[in-house]
Amino acid sequence: MEWTGNMYGFYTDKSVDDVWFSLIKKLSSINYKYEQSSFRDEEFLFCYKNDEMRDYHDNHGYNLDLQGEGCFLIEAKSTQLNGIATLFEFDNASDF
């Protein structure tokens, strides 16, 4: 099995509603549909181009079609960022 995606995090001082508004506008411009849901204190946008793509994802998991397109999920959670970050370099190759 080969993974076709990566998890990318981002931080913003915008509200989740503001971020969703911008993302939904972008999804519309690239002809993607979405399903919005929530679980506990997290919000989700599951994104797909058409019902066939969504159904294939339901049966086979994350994948890309011949044009390199596929479903993707965006997760959002409001949190306080009151921490200290330390930067360092790995001695060896890492996928972290």
C-alpha atoms as a PDB file:
ATOM      1  CA  MET A   1       0.000   0.000   0.000  1.00  0.00           C
ATOM      2  CA  GLU A   2       1.285   3.447  -0.871  1.00  0.00           C
ATOM      3  CA  TRP A   3       0.145   6.657   0.811  1.00  0.00           C
ATOM      4  CA  THR A   4      -0.887   9.344  -1.641  1.00  0.00           C
ATOM      5  CA  GLY A   5      -1.108  12.250   0.758  1.00  0.00           C
ATOM      6  CA  ASN A   6       0.610  14.080   3.568  1.00  0.00           C
ATOM      7  CA  MET A   7      -0.682  15.938   6.560  1.00  0.00           C
ATOM      8  CA  TYR A   8       0.141  19.624   6.509  1.00  0.00           C
ATOM      9  CA  GLY A   9      -0.582  21.832   9.476  1.00  0.00           C
ATOM     10  CA  PHE A  10      -1.121  25.540   9.495  1.00  0.00           C
ATOM     11  CA  TYR A  11      -1.897  28.103  12.153  1.00  0.00           C
ATOM     12  CA  THR A  12      -3.908  31.286  11.848  1.00  0.00           C
ATOM     13  CA  ASP A  13      -5.417  33.950  14.026  1.00  0.00           C
ATOM     14  CA  LYS A  14      -8.643  33.747  11.968  1.00  0.00           C
ATOM     15  CA  SER A  15     -11.775  32.016  13.214  1.00  0.00           C
ATOM     16  CA  VAL A  16     -12.641  28.554  11.880  1.00  0.00           C
ATOM     17  CA  ASP A  17     -15.714  30.087  10.217  1.00  0.00           C
ATOM     18  CA  ASP A  18     -13.545  32.614   8.353  1.00  0.00           C
ATOM     19  CA  VAL A  19     -11.165  29.867   7.215  1.00  0.00           C
ATOM     20  CA  TRP A  20     -14.070  27.658   6.076  1.00  0.00           C
ATOM     21  CA  PHE A  21     -15.571  30.558   4.123  1.00  0.00           C
ATOM     22  CA  SER A  22     -12.302  31.071   2.228  1.00  0.00           C
ATOM     23  CA  LEU A  23     -11.757  27.361   1.627  1.00  0.00           C
ATOM     24  CA  ILE A  24     -15.326  26.752   0.425  1.00  0.00           C
ATOM     25  CA  LYS A  25     -14.957  29.651  -1.995  1.00  0.00           C
ATOM     26  CA  LYS A  26     -11.736  28.088  -3.342  1.00  0.00           C
ATOM     27  CA  LEU A  27     -13.347  24.624  -3.582  1.00  0.00           C
ATOM     28  CA  SER A  28     -16.132  26.090  -5.667  1.00  0.00           C
ATOM     29  CA  SER A  29     -13.634  27.701  -8.039  1.00  0.00           C
ATOM     30  CA  ILE A  30     -11.971  24.314  -8.727  1.00  0.00           C
ATOM     31  CA  ASN A  31     -15.315  22.510  -9.059  1.00  0.00           C
ATOM     32  CA  TYR A  32     -14.998  20.450  -5.877  1.00  0.00           C
ATOM     33  CA  LYS A  33     -17.903  19.531  -3.596  1.00  0.00           C
ATOM     34  CA  TYR A  34     -17.592  19.144   0.156  1.00  0.00           C
ATOM     35  CA  GLU A  35     -19.265  17.597   3.176  1.00  0.00           C
ATOM     36  CA  GLN A  36     -18.896  19.458   6.454  1.00  0.00           C
ATOM     37  CA  SER A  37     -18.977  17.629   9.780  1.00  0.00           C
ATOM     38  CA  SER A  38     -17.740  17.924  13.336  1.00  0.00           C
ATOM     39  CA  PHE A  39     -16.592  15.532  16.036  1.00  0.00           C
ATOM     40  CA  ARG A  40     -15.815  16.581  19.581  1.00  0.00           C
ATOM     41  CA  ASP A  41     -14.106  19.963  19.229  1.00  0.00           C
ATOM     42  CA  GLU A  42     -12.852  19.500  15.643  1.00  0.00           C
ATOM     43  CA  GLU A  43     -14.418  20.579  12.343  1.00  0.00           C
ATOM     44  CA  PHE A  44     -13.936  18.734   9.044  1.00  0.00           C
ATOM     45  CA  LEU A  45     -14.394  19.406   5.334  1.00  0.00           C
ATOM     46  CA  PHE A  46     -14.279  16.254   3.201  1.00  0.00           C
ATOM     47  CA  CYS A  47     -13.634  17.389  -0.383  1.00  0.00           C
ATOM     48  CA  TYR A  48     -14.260  15.549  -3.655  1.00  0.00           C
ATOM     49  CA  LYS A  49     -14.815  16.434  -7.301  1.00  0.00           C
ATOM     50  CA  ASN A  50     -17.879  14.287  -8.026  1.00  0.00           C
ATOM     51  CA  ASP A  51     -19.949  11.461  -6.601  1.00  0.00           C
ATOM     52  CA  GLU A  52     -17.936   8.845  -8.505  1.00  0.00           C
ATOM     53  CA  MET A  53     -14.720  10.080  -6.838  1.00  0.00           C
ATOM     54  CA  ARG A  54     -16.381  10.044  -3.398  1.00  0.00           C
ATOM     55  CA  ASP A  55     -17.805   6.537  -3.926  1.00  0.00           C
ATOM     56  CA  TYR A  56     -14.426   5.210  -5.092  1.00  0.00           C
ATOM     57  CA  HIS A  57     -12.843   6.725  -1.979  1.00  0.00           C
ATOM     58  CA  ASP A  58     -15.474   5.045   0.221  1.00  0.00           C
ATOM     59  CA  ASN A  59     -14.604   1.658  -1.284  1.00  0.00           C
ATOM     60  CA  HIS A  60     -10.820   1.955  -1.724  1.00  0.00           C
ATOM     61  CA  GLY A  61      -9.537   4.745   0.533  1.00  0.00           C
ATOM     62  CA  TYR A  62      -7.435   7.740  -0.456  1.00  0.00           C
ATOM     63  CA  ASN A  63      -6.198   7.557  -4.032  1.00  0.00           C
ATOM     64  CA  LEU A  64      -5.540   9.633  -7.130  1.00  0.00           C
ATOM     65  CA  ASP A  65      -7.215   9.257 -10.507  1.00  0.00           C
ATOM     66  CA  LEU A  66      -5.367   9.319 -13.825  1.00  0.00           C
ATOM     67  CA  GLN A  67      -5.395  13.142 -13.806  1.00  0.00           C
ATOM     68  CA  GLY A  68      -3.726  13.190 -10.363  1.00  0.00           C
ATOM     69  CA  GLU A  69      -6.877  14.341  -8.562  1.00  0.00           C
ATOM     70  CA  GLY A  70      -8.441  12.801  -5.486  1.00  0.00           C
ATOM     71  CA  CYS A  71     -10.437  13.375  -2.339  1.00  0.00           C
ATOM     72  CA  PHE A  72      -8.917  15.260   0.568  1.00  0.00           C
ATOM     73  CA  LEU A  73      -9.891  16.160   4.107  1.00  0.00           C
ATOM     74  CA  ILE A  74      -9.327  19.436   5.918  1.00  0.00           C
ATOM     75  CA  GLU A  75      -9.452  19.426   9.714  1.00  0.00           C
ATOM     76  CA  ALA A  76      -9.715  22.503  11.919  1.00  0.00           C
ATOM     77  CA  LYS A  77      -9.536  22.952  15.655  1.00  0.00           C
ATOM     78  CA  SER A  78      -9.449  26.119  17.714  1.00  0.00           C
ATOM     79  CA  THR A  79      -6.684  26.114  20.284  1.00  0.00           C
ATOM     80  CA  GLN A  80      -4.486  28.426  22.286  1.00  0.00           C
ATOM     81  CA  LEU A  81      -0.897  28.681  21.063  1.00  0.00           C
ATOM     82  CA  ASN A  82       0.904  29.414  24.291  1.00  0.00           C
ATOM     83  CA  GLY A  83       4.034  27.323  23.798  1.00  0.00           C
ATOM     84  CA  ILE A  84       7.707  27.592  23.069  1.00  0.00           C
ATOM     85  CA  ALA A  85       9.183  26.070  19.917  1.00  0.00           C
ATOM     86  CA  THR A  86      12.717  24.755  19.550  1.00  0.00           C
ATOM     87  CA  LEU A  87      14.215  24.291  16.108  1.00  0.00           C
ATOM     88  CA  PHE A  88      16.787  21.631  15.347  1.00  0.00           C
ATOM     89  CA  GLU A  89      18.079  19.620  12.377  1.00  0.00           C
ATOM     90  CA  PHE A  90      17.896  15.856  12.024  1.00  0.00           C
ATOM     91  CA  ASP A  91      21.220  14.059  11.606  1.00  0.00           C
ATOM     92  CA  ASN A  92      19.664  11.551   9.200  1.00  0.00           C
ATOM     93  CA  ALA A  93      16.831  11.613   6.680  1.00  0.00           C
ATOM     94  CA  SER A  94      13.453  11.814   8.358  1.00  0.00           C
ATOM     95  CA  ASP A  95       9.843  11.799   7.242  1.00  0.00           C
ATOM     96  CA  PHE A  96       8.774  13.807  10.285  1.00  0.00           C
END
